[in-house]
Amino acid sequence: MREYDLSGAQWRKSSYSDDNGGSCVEVLDDLPGVVPVRDSKNPAGPVLVVTAPAWRAFVEGVSAGG
């Protein structure tokens, strides 16, 4: 399993996250081939790293209402 140093990362809040303290997902856009994802309410918590194609498929599914 590959490890990533995300200590200085500039996280971006997903446009699908709400602003009411509910579902808050943050992602990183600048790692080639992968997309790290975390819960913005728990920035020191675990980070899920998925492949870029898997993330694209997820976003497309959410956008399509699936």
Protein backbone atom coordinates (compact mmCIF):
# COMPACT_ATOMS: atom_id res chain seq x y z
CA MET A 1 0.00 0.00 0.00
CA ARG A 2 1.38 3.39 -0.97
CA GLU A 3 1.59 6.17 1.60
CA TYR A 4 1.06 9.84 0.79
CA ASP A 5 2.33 12.86 2.72
CA LEU A 6 -0.79 15.02 2.94
CA SER A 7 0.42 17.25 5.78
CA GLY A 8 0.62 20.39 3.62
CA ALA A 9 -2.30 19.55 1.35
CA GLN A 10 -4.80 22.17 0.23
CA TRP A 11 -8.14 20.38 0.59
CA ARG A 12 -11.17 21.47 -1.44
CA LYS A 13 -14.69 21.07 -0.12
CA SER A 14 -16.88 19.14 -2.52
CA SER A 15 -19.65 21.10 -4.23
CA TYR A 16 -21.99 18.30 -3.13
CA SER A 17 -21.34 19.00 0.56
CA ASP A 18 -23.86 21.05 2.47
CA ASP A 19 -23.03 24.06 4.64
CA ASN A 20 -25.14 23.02 7.63
CA GLY A 21 -22.56 20.87 9.40
CA GLY A 22 -23.89 17.71 7.78
CA SER A 23 -22.27 15.84 4.92
CA CYS A 24 -18.93 17.52 4.35
CA VAL A 25 -16.50 15.85 1.97
CA GLU A 26 -13.14 17.33 1.04
CA VAL A 27 -10.92 16.16 -1.80
CA LEU A 28 -7.45 16.81 -3.18
CA ASP A 29 -7.04 17.50 -6.87
CA ASP A 30 -3.28 17.53 -7.33
CA LEU A 31 -2.13 13.92 -6.95
CA PRO A 32 -1.67 12.11 -10.27
CA GLY A 33 -3.93 9.08 -10.67
CA VAL A 34 -5.60 9.20 -7.26
CA VAL A 35 -8.09 11.32 -5.32
CA PRO A 36 -7.78 11.50 -1.53
CA VAL A 37 -11.12 12.06 0.24
CA ARG A 38 -11.78 12.99 3.88
CA ASP A 39 -14.56 14.13 6.20
CA SER A 40 -14.10 17.86 6.76
CA LYS A 41 -15.57 17.56 10.26
CA ASN A 42 -12.68 15.24 11.17
CA PRO A 43 -9.59 16.59 9.37
CA ALA A 44 -7.22 14.52 11.50
CA GLY A 45 -9.22 11.37 10.78
CA PRO A 46 -8.71 8.77 8.11
CA VAL A 47 -8.30 9.59 4.43
CA LEU A 48 -9.72 7.36 1.72
CA VAL A 49 -7.53 7.31 -1.40
CA VAL A 50 -9.33 6.12 -4.53
CA THR A 51 -8.17 5.90 -8.12
CA ALA A 52 -9.04 8.85 -10.34
CA PRO A 53 -11.25 6.67 -12.62
CA ALA A 54 -13.16 5.34 -9.59
CA TRP A 55 -13.70 8.90 -8.31
CA ARG A 56 -14.90 10.04 -11.74
CA ALA A 57 -17.37 7.15 -11.86
CA PHE A 58 -18.61 8.02 -8.35
CA VAL A 59 -19.10 11.71 -9.23
CA GLU A 60 -20.86 10.81 -12.48
CA GLY A 61 -23.16 8.45 -10.56
CA VAL A 62 -24.00 11.12 -7.99
CA SER A 63 -24.61 13.67 -10.74
CA ALA A 64 -26.96 11.26 -12.50
CA GLY A 65 -28.90 10.67 -9.29
CA GLY A 66 -27.62 7.13 -8.81
